[in-house]
Amino acid sequence: MSTESDFNRRLVRTVAVVALAGVVLWVLYEARAALLVVYVSALLAMGFSPLVGLVERDGRPAPALRVPHLLAIFVVYLVLVGVLVGLALVAVPPIVTQGRALAADLPALFAGVQAFLRQHDLLAANVSLQEAVQSAGGNTVFTIATAASTLFHAIMTAATVLFLSFYLLVEGRALSLTFARLFPERDRAQVVAMANQVVSRVNGWLLAQLMLAALMGIATAVGLSLIGVRFSYVLALLAAGGEFIPMLGPFVAGACAVGIALMASIHQGLIVLAFFVALQQLESNVLVPLIMKNRVGLGAVTVIVALFVGYSLSGFIGAVLAVPTAAILSVVFDELIPERSHAARP
């Protein structure tokens, strides 16, 4: 009788654990968008943490020489905001000028495209620009509303990430100690060391991304200026910013550059296309594996596989987060695998 009672208790406990695990997984799945924002905020906080420590002069022995932790965070954020505002001030006026010029030349460009298509028997009859706009007019309001909603959501998400990463930086040390207390006392030193390694790897990833953005921006500016493409430095800023969005960002930057070059001539457009193809091959096969290896400690194969896995799981967002996630997992494996191998020895 006792054996049957014990079996029933174990069965009920097992069912309860499985049900609880199912509920937790369901909640995590439903909250995946919010958890993604938290994860991105944590990555930014870990990336900025060494910079905050540098401003704070955390390694100085004299307390009088140290900058308060909160003030150091404000300094890092002010520098970041200043850089973003400066880039916006540089980029926005030429973009506005380019937009006005494009709007003025749009009818002639539209007629030229149609002439090219008719010359190659790809278009049966000409369509005026007004007719093309009117034919798409039924979806115009919906398209504008969708674009406005997407833009508003992106701005609110970015603001949330910045604010949340700020508070994670403020409470980072307390959160780290609290996390360490979840483990037995004998393992806490190893957990703290592993957390420091994670912060170092994520900071290396962020610096690597900034380095890639600077290199690609400079290369784009120099290359397009030598080719004679208009608005070369605006396109260079677009190429630099696109480095933070793997696959899609460089494609958009290249497409914009080729489009502007085609406005001048087909010959210039083909040269720009060849330039961007060569530049992307250099980045994908040389710069990304080399810089990620030196700054993040990940080999070329790991970086490439992480990008493909991240993209297959969550699209472009997964590709953006793939490398720092792989860096975090590599730290965990480096800490746990040797311990397991030693424990397995007699």
Protein backbone atom coordinates (compact mmCIF):
# COMPACT_ATOMS: atom_id res chain seq x y z
CA MET A 1 0.00 0.00 0.00
CA SER A 2 2.86 2.31 0.90
CA THR A 3 4.55 1.57 -2.40
CA GLU A 4 1.40 2.46 -4.33
CA SER A 5 1.03 5.68 -2.34
CA ASP A 6 4.65 6.67 -3.07
CA PHE A 7 4.09 5.93 -6.75
CA ASN A 8 1.00 8.14 -6.81
CA ARG A 9 2.85 10.99 -5.11
CA ARG A 10 5.73 10.75 -7.58
CA LEU A 11 3.27 10.64 -10.47
CA VAL A 12 1.43 13.73 -9.23
CA ARG A 13 4.73 15.53 -8.66
CA THR A 14 5.96 14.65 -12.15
CA VAL A 15 2.71 15.81 -13.76
CA ALA A 16 2.83 19.04 -11.74
CA VAL A 17 6.44 19.72 -12.77
CA VAL A 18 5.68 19.03 -16.44
CA ALA A 19 2.58 21.25 -16.29
CA LEU A 20 4.55 24.04 -14.60
CA ALA A 21 7.31 23.76 -17.19
CA GLY A 22 4.70 23.95 -19.95
CA VAL A 23 3.15 27.07 -18.42
CA VAL A 24 6.57 28.71 -18.06
CA LEU A 25 7.46 27.93 -21.68
CA TRP A 26 4.09 29.27 -22.85
CA VAL A 27 4.59 32.51 -20.88
CA LEU A 28 8.11 32.91 -22.27
CA TYR A 29 6.83 32.35 -25.80
CA GLU A 30 4.02 34.88 -25.40
CA ALA A 31 6.42 37.42 -23.88
CA ARG A 32 9.17 36.82 -26.46
CA ALA A 33 8.98 40.37 -27.84
CA ALA A 34 9.42 41.91 -24.38
CA LEU A 35 12.17 39.42 -23.51
CA LEU A 36 13.96 40.33 -26.74
CA VAL A 37 13.95 43.99 -25.72
CA VAL A 38 15.32 43.04 -22.30
CA TYR A 39 18.03 40.90 -23.90
CA VAL A 40 19.12 43.68 -26.28
CA SER A 41 19.17 46.12 -23.35
CA ALA A 42 21.32 43.71 -21.33
CA LEU A 43 23.74 43.35 -24.25
CA LEU A 44 24.08 47.13 -24.54
CA ALA A 45 24.55 47.46 -20.78
CA MET A 46 27.29 44.81 -20.84
CA GLY A 47 28.88 46.48 -23.86
CA PHE A 48 28.95 49.89 -22.17
CA SER A 49 29.98 48.58 -18.75
CA PRO A 50 33.77 48.63 -19.37
CA LEU A 51 33.46 52.16 -20.78
CA VAL A 52 31.64 53.23 -17.63
CA GLY A 53 34.39 51.62 -15.56
CA LEU A 54 36.99 53.51 -17.60
CA VAL A 55 35.26 56.85 -16.97
CA GLU A 56 34.70 55.90 -13.35
CA ARG A 57 38.40 55.05 -12.96
CA ASP A 58 37.39 51.88 -11.19
CA GLY A 59 40.96 50.62 -10.94
CA ARG A 60 42.35 53.68 -9.15
CA PRO A 61 43.24 53.01 -5.50
CA ALA A 62 42.42 56.51 -4.25
CA PRO A 63 38.67 57.03 -3.79
CA ALA A 64 39.10 60.78 -4.35
CA LEU A 65 40.13 60.14 -7.95
CA ARG A 66 37.07 58.06 -8.80
CA VAL A 67 34.07 59.43 -10.65
CA PRO A 68 30.70 58.48 -9.11
CA HIS A 69 29.13 55.48 -10.83
CA LEU A 70 25.94 57.32 -11.83
CA LEU A 71 27.88 60.29 -13.19
CA ALA A 72 30.09 57.95 -15.26
CA ILE A 73 26.99 56.39 -16.83
CA PHE A 74 25.64 59.86 -17.67
CA VAL A 75 28.95 60.78 -19.32
CA VAL A 76 28.92 57.64 -21.51
CA TYR A 77 25.30 58.27 -22.52
CA LEU A 78 25.94 61.95 -23.25
CA VAL A 79 28.85 61.02 -25.52
CA LEU A 80 26.69 58.42 -27.28
CA VAL A 81 23.80 60.86 -27.77
CA GLY A 82 26.24 63.55 -28.94
CA VAL A 83 27.69 61.23 -31.59
CA LEU A 84 24.22 60.25 -32.82
CA VAL A 85 23.07 63.88 -32.97
CA GLY A 86 26.24 64.87 -34.81
CA LEU A 87 25.75 62.14 -37.38
CA ALA A 88 22.13 63.21 -37.83
CA LEU A 89 23.15 66.85 -38.36
CA VAL A 90 25.67 65.77 -40.98
CA ALA A 91 23.37 63.35 -42.79
CA VAL A 92 19.93 65.01 -42.74
CA PRO A 93 20.58 68.19 -44.82
CA PRO A 94 22.14 66.34 -47.79
CA ILE A 95 19.40 63.72 -47.63
CA VAL A 96 16.75 66.46 -47.80
CA THR A 97 18.57 68.07 -50.73
CA GLN A 98 18.86 64.71 -52.47
CA GLY A 99 15.15 64.02 -51.89
CA ARG A 100 14.15 67.32 -53.44
CA ALA A 101 16.40 66.72 -56.45
CA LEU A 102 15.02 63.21 -56.84
CA ALA A 103 11.43 64.48 -56.67
CA ALA A 104 12.21 67.05 -59.37
CA ASP A 105 13.89 64.50 -61.64
CA LEU A 106 11.40 61.69 -60.99
CA PRO A 107 9.22 62.22 -64.10
CA ALA A 108 12.27 62.20 -66.39
CA LEU A 109 13.71 59.15 -64.64
CA PHE A 110 10.37 57.36 -64.90
CA ALA A 111 10.19 58.12 -68.63
CA GLY A 112 13.77 56.92 -69.11
CA VAL A 113 13.05 53.61 -67.39
CA GLN A 114 9.98 53.08 -69.57
CA ALA A 115 11.97 53.87 -72.72
CA PHE A 116 14.58 51.32 -71.70
CA LEU A 117 11.90 48.68 -71.06
CA ARG A 118 10.16 49.34 -74.38
CA GLN A 119 13.46 49.23 -76.23
CA HIS A 120 14.02 45.71 -74.92
CA ASP A 121 10.37 44.66 -75.49
CA LEU A 122 9.68 44.42 -71.75
CA LEU A 123 6.84 46.98 -71.78
CA ALA A 124 3.94 47.11 -74.19
CA ALA A 125 2.80 50.73 -73.71
CA ASN A 126 3.92 53.79 -71.82
CA VAL A 127 2.24 54.68 -68.54
CA SER A 128 2.38 58.22 -67.20
CA LEU A 129 3.66 58.85 -63.69
CA GLN A 130 0.24 60.21 -62.71
CA GLU A 131 -1.46 57.01 -63.91
CA ALA A 132 1.04 54.86 -61.99
CA VAL A 133 0.38 56.86 -58.82
CA GLN A 134 -3.38 56.69 -59.29
CA SER A 135 -3.29 52.93 -59.89
CA ALA A 136 -1.56 52.51 -56.54
CA GLY A 137 -3.76 55.08 -54.83
CA GLY A 138 -6.08 52.51 -53.27
CA ASN A 139 -3.29 51.30 -51.00
CA THR A 140 -1.58 54.64 -50.43
CA VAL A 141 -3.36 55.53 -47.19
CA PHE A 142 -2.86 52.06 -45.76
CA THR A 143 0.84 52.08 -46.75
CA ILE A 144 1.42 55.48 -45.13
CA ALA A 145 -0.39 54.40 -41.96
CA THR A 146 1.60 51.18 -41.77
CA ALA A 147 4.88 53.00 -42.29
CA ALA A 148 4.01 55.58 -39.62
CA SER A 149 3.03 52.85 -37.16
CA THR A 150 6.23 50.92 -37.83
CA LEU A 151 8.33 54.05 -37.38
CA PHE A 152 6.60 54.94 -34.12
CA HIS A 153 7.05 51.39 -32.80
CA ALA A 154 10.75 51.44 -33.74
CA ILE A 155 11.28 54.77 -31.97
CA MET A 156 9.51 53.59 -28.82
CA THR A 157 11.45 50.31 -28.81
CA ALA A 158 14.76 52.14 -29.20
CA ALA A 159 13.86 54.51 -26.36
CA THR A 160 12.87 51.56 -24.16
CA VAL A 161 16.18 49.81 -24.89
CA LEU A 162 18.17 52.93 -24.02
CA PHE A 163 16.31 53.56 -20.75
CA LEU A 164 16.38 49.90 -19.71
CA SER A 165 20.09 49.55 -20.48
CA PHE A 166 20.70 52.69 -18.43
CA TYR A 167 18.97 51.23 -15.37
CA LEU A 168 20.74 47.89 -15.91
CA LEU A 169 24.04 49.77 -15.78
CA VAL A 170 22.97 51.53 -12.59
CA GLU A 171 21.89 48.29 -10.90
CA GLY A 172 24.42 46.04 -12.66
CA ARG A 173 26.61 45.32 -9.66
CA ALA A 174 23.68 44.54 -7.37
CA LEU A 175 22.14 42.29 -10.02
CA SER A 176 25.45 40.48 -10.48
CA LEU A 177 25.74 39.79 -6.75
CA THR A 178 22.13 38.65 -6.58
CA PHE A 179 22.68 36.29 -9.51
CA ALA A 180 25.79 34.86 -7.83
CA ARG A 181 23.80 34.11 -4.67
CA LEU A 182 21.64 31.69 -6.64
CA PHE A 183 24.60 29.29 -6.71
CA PRO A 184 26.33 27.41 -3.87
CA GLU A 185 28.95 29.46 -2.06
CA ARG A 186 31.79 27.31 -3.38
CA ASP A 187 30.80 28.13 -6.99
CA ARG A 188 30.18 31.86 -6.60
CA ALA A 189 33.73 32.91 -7.42
CA GLN A 190 33.56 30.92 -10.66
CA VAL A 191 30.17 32.44 -11.49
CA VAL A 192 31.48 35.99 -10.93
CA ALA A 193 34.54 35.26 -13.09
CA MET A 194 32.29 33.84 -15.81
CA ALA A 195 30.05 36.93 -15.65
CA ASN A 196 33.10 39.19 -16.04
CA GLN A 197 34.20 37.15 -19.05
CA VAL A 198 30.73 37.52 -20.59
CA VAL A 199 30.85 41.30 -20.13
CA SER A 200 34.31 41.39 -21.70
CA ARG A 201 33.20 39.32 -24.72
CA VAL A 202 30.07 41.43 -25.30
CA ASN A 203 32.11 44.62 -25.02
CA GLY A 204 34.52 43.15 -27.57
CA TRP A 205 31.60 42.41 -29.90
CA LEU A 206 30.30 45.99 -29.60
CA LEU A 207 33.74 47.44 -30.28
CA ALA A 208 34.14 45.05 -33.22
CA GLN A 209 30.84 46.25 -34.68
CA LEU A 210 31.92 49.87 -34.29
CA MET A 211 35.26 49.04 -35.92
CA LEU A 212 33.55 47.32 -38.86
CA ALA A 213 31.16 50.25 -39.23
CA ALA A 214 34.06 52.73 -39.31
CA LEU A 215 36.06 50.67 -41.82
CA MET A 216 33.10 50.13 -44.15
CA GLY A 217 32.05 53.77 -43.88
CA ILE A 218 35.55 55.02 -44.74
CA ALA A 219 35.96 52.51 -47.58
CA THR A 220 32.56 53.45 -49.02
CA ALA A 221 33.27 57.18 -48.81
CA VAL A 222 36.67 56.84 -50.50
CA GLY A 223 35.48 54.41 -53.17
CA LEU A 224 32.36 56.34 -54.15
CA SER A 225 34.26 59.64 -54.15
CA LEU A 226 36.86 58.20 -56.54
CA ILE A 227 34.09 56.83 -58.79
CA GLY A 228 32.37 60.23 -58.73
CA VAL A 229 29.04 59.26 -57.15
CA ARG A 230 26.99 62.07 -55.68
CA PHE A 231 26.31 62.18 -51.93
CA SER A 232 29.15 59.77 -51.25
CA TYR A 233 29.52 60.67 -47.57
CA VAL A 234 25.77 60.26 -46.93
CA LEU A 235 25.95 56.82 -48.52
CA ALA A 236 29.03 56.13 -46.39
CA LEU A 237 27.03 56.93 -43.24
CA LEU A 238 24.29 54.61 -44.48
CA ALA A 239 26.84 51.83 -45.10
CA ALA A 240 28.34 52.33 -41.63
CA GLY A 241 24.95 52.17 -39.94
CA GLY A 242 23.99 49.15 -42.01
CA GLU A 243 26.80 47.16 -40.40
CA PHE A 244 24.63 46.77 -37.31
CA ILE A 245 21.99 44.98 -39.42
CA PRO A 246 23.71 41.96 -41.01
CA MET A 247 22.75 41.08 -44.58
CA LEU A 248 19.94 43.63 -44.90
CA GLY A 249 21.94 46.73 -43.93
CA PRO A 250 24.78 46.32 -46.45
CA PHE A 251 22.25 45.33 -49.15
CA VAL A 252 20.21 48.52 -48.60
CA ALA A 253 23.33 50.69 -48.59
CA GLY A 254 24.59 49.07 -51.80
CA ALA A 255 21.19 49.32 -53.49
CA CYS A 256 20.93 53.05 -52.66
CA ALA A 257 24.44 53.70 -53.99
CA VAL A 258 23.77 51.78 -57.20
CA GLY A 259 20.45 53.60 -57.65
CA ILE A 260 22.08 57.02 -57.31
CA ALA A 261 24.89 55.99 -59.66
CA LEU A 262 22.37 54.79 -62.26
CA MET A 263 20.86 58.28 -62.28
CA ALA A 264 24.16 59.46 -63.75
CA SER A 265 24.77 56.58 -66.18
CA ILE A 266 24.45 52.83 -66.54
CA HIS A 267 28.24 52.58 -66.77
CA GLN A 268 28.70 54.27 -63.38
CA GLY A 269 25.95 52.11 -61.87
CA LEU A 270 27.73 48.92 -62.99
CA ILE A 271 31.03 50.16 -61.55
CA VAL A 272 29.38 50.91 -58.20
CA LEU A 273 27.68 47.50 -58.23
CA ALA A 274 31.04 45.78 -58.81
CA PHE A 275 32.62 47.91 -56.07
CA PHE A 276 30.01 46.94 -53.49
CA VAL A 277 30.13 43.26 -54.43
CA ALA A 278 33.92 43.26 -53.97
CA LEU A 279 33.62 45.23 -50.71
CA GLN A 280 31.04 42.84 -49.28
CA GLN A 281 33.16 39.83 -50.22
CA LEU A 282 36.14 41.41 -48.47
CA GLU A 283 34.05 42.12 -45.39
CA SER A 284 32.32 38.73 -45.20
CA ASN A 285 35.35 36.55 -45.86
CA VAL A 286 38.19 38.59 -44.31
CA LEU A 287 37.20 41.47 -42.06
CA VAL A 288 34.32 39.93 -40.07
CA PRO A 289 36.07 36.63 -39.21
CA LEU A 290 39.39 38.40 -38.47
CA ILE A 291 37.99 41.19 -36.29
CA MET A 292 35.52 38.94 -34.50
CA LYS A 293 38.33 36.47 -33.76
CA ASN A 294 40.56 39.15 -32.25
CA ARG A 295 37.91 41.10 -30.34
CA VAL A 296 35.33 38.43 -29.43
CA GLY A 297 37.44 35.27 -29.44
CA LEU A 298 35.26 33.43 -31.96
CA GLY A 299 36.64 31.62 -34.99
CA ALA A 300 35.50 32.30 -38.54
CA VAL A 301 33.46 29.10 -38.73
CA THR A 302 31.70 29.90 -35.44
CA VAL A 303 30.81 33.42 -36.60
CA ILE A 304 29.45 32.24 -39.96
CA VAL A 305 27.46 29.37 -38.44
CA ALA A 306 26.10 31.67 -35.70
CA LEU A 307 24.91 34.17 -38.32
CA PHE A 308 23.12 31.48 -40.34
CA VAL A 309 21.53 29.89 -37.25
CA GLY A 310 20.44 33.25 -35.87
CA TYR A 311 18.94 34.26 -39.21
CA SER A 312 17.09 30.96 -39.56
CA LEU A 313 15.64 31.28 -36.06
CA SER A 314 14.65 34.95 -35.90
CA GLY A 315 15.42 36.57 -39.23
CA PHE A 316 17.52 39.71 -39.31
CA ILE A 317 17.15 40.33 -35.57
CA GLY A 318 18.50 36.86 -34.91
CA ALA A 319 21.46 37.57 -37.20
CA VAL A 320 22.20 40.80 -35.30
CA LEU A 321 22.17 38.98 -31.94
CA ALA A 322 23.85 35.79 -33.15
CA VAL A 323 27.48 36.76 -32.57
CA PRO A 324 27.12 38.15 -29.01
CA THR A 325 24.95 35.17 -28.09
CA ALA A 326 27.60 32.80 -29.45
CA ALA A 327 30.23 34.70 -27.45
CA ILE A 328 28.21 34.29 -24.25
CA LEU A 329 27.70 30.57 -24.89
CA SER A 330 31.40 30.12 -25.59
CA VAL A 331 32.24 31.56 -22.15
CA VAL A 332 29.77 29.16 -20.50
CA PHE A 333 31.22 26.19 -22.37
CA ASP A 334 34.79 27.23 -21.55
CA GLU A 335 33.88 27.28 -17.84
CA LEU A 336 31.73 24.15 -17.68
CA ILE A 337 33.40 21.69 -20.04
CA PRO A 338 36.79 21.62 -18.25
CA GLU A 339 35.01 21.15 -14.92
CA ARG A 340 33.04 18.19 -16.29
CA SER A 341 36.14 16.65 -17.84
CA HIS A 342 38.01 16.91 -14.52
CA ALA A 343 35.04 15.48 -12.65
CA ALA A 344 34.95 12.51 -15.01
CA ARG A 345 38.54 11.59 -14.27
CA PRO A 346 39.07 8.90 -11.63
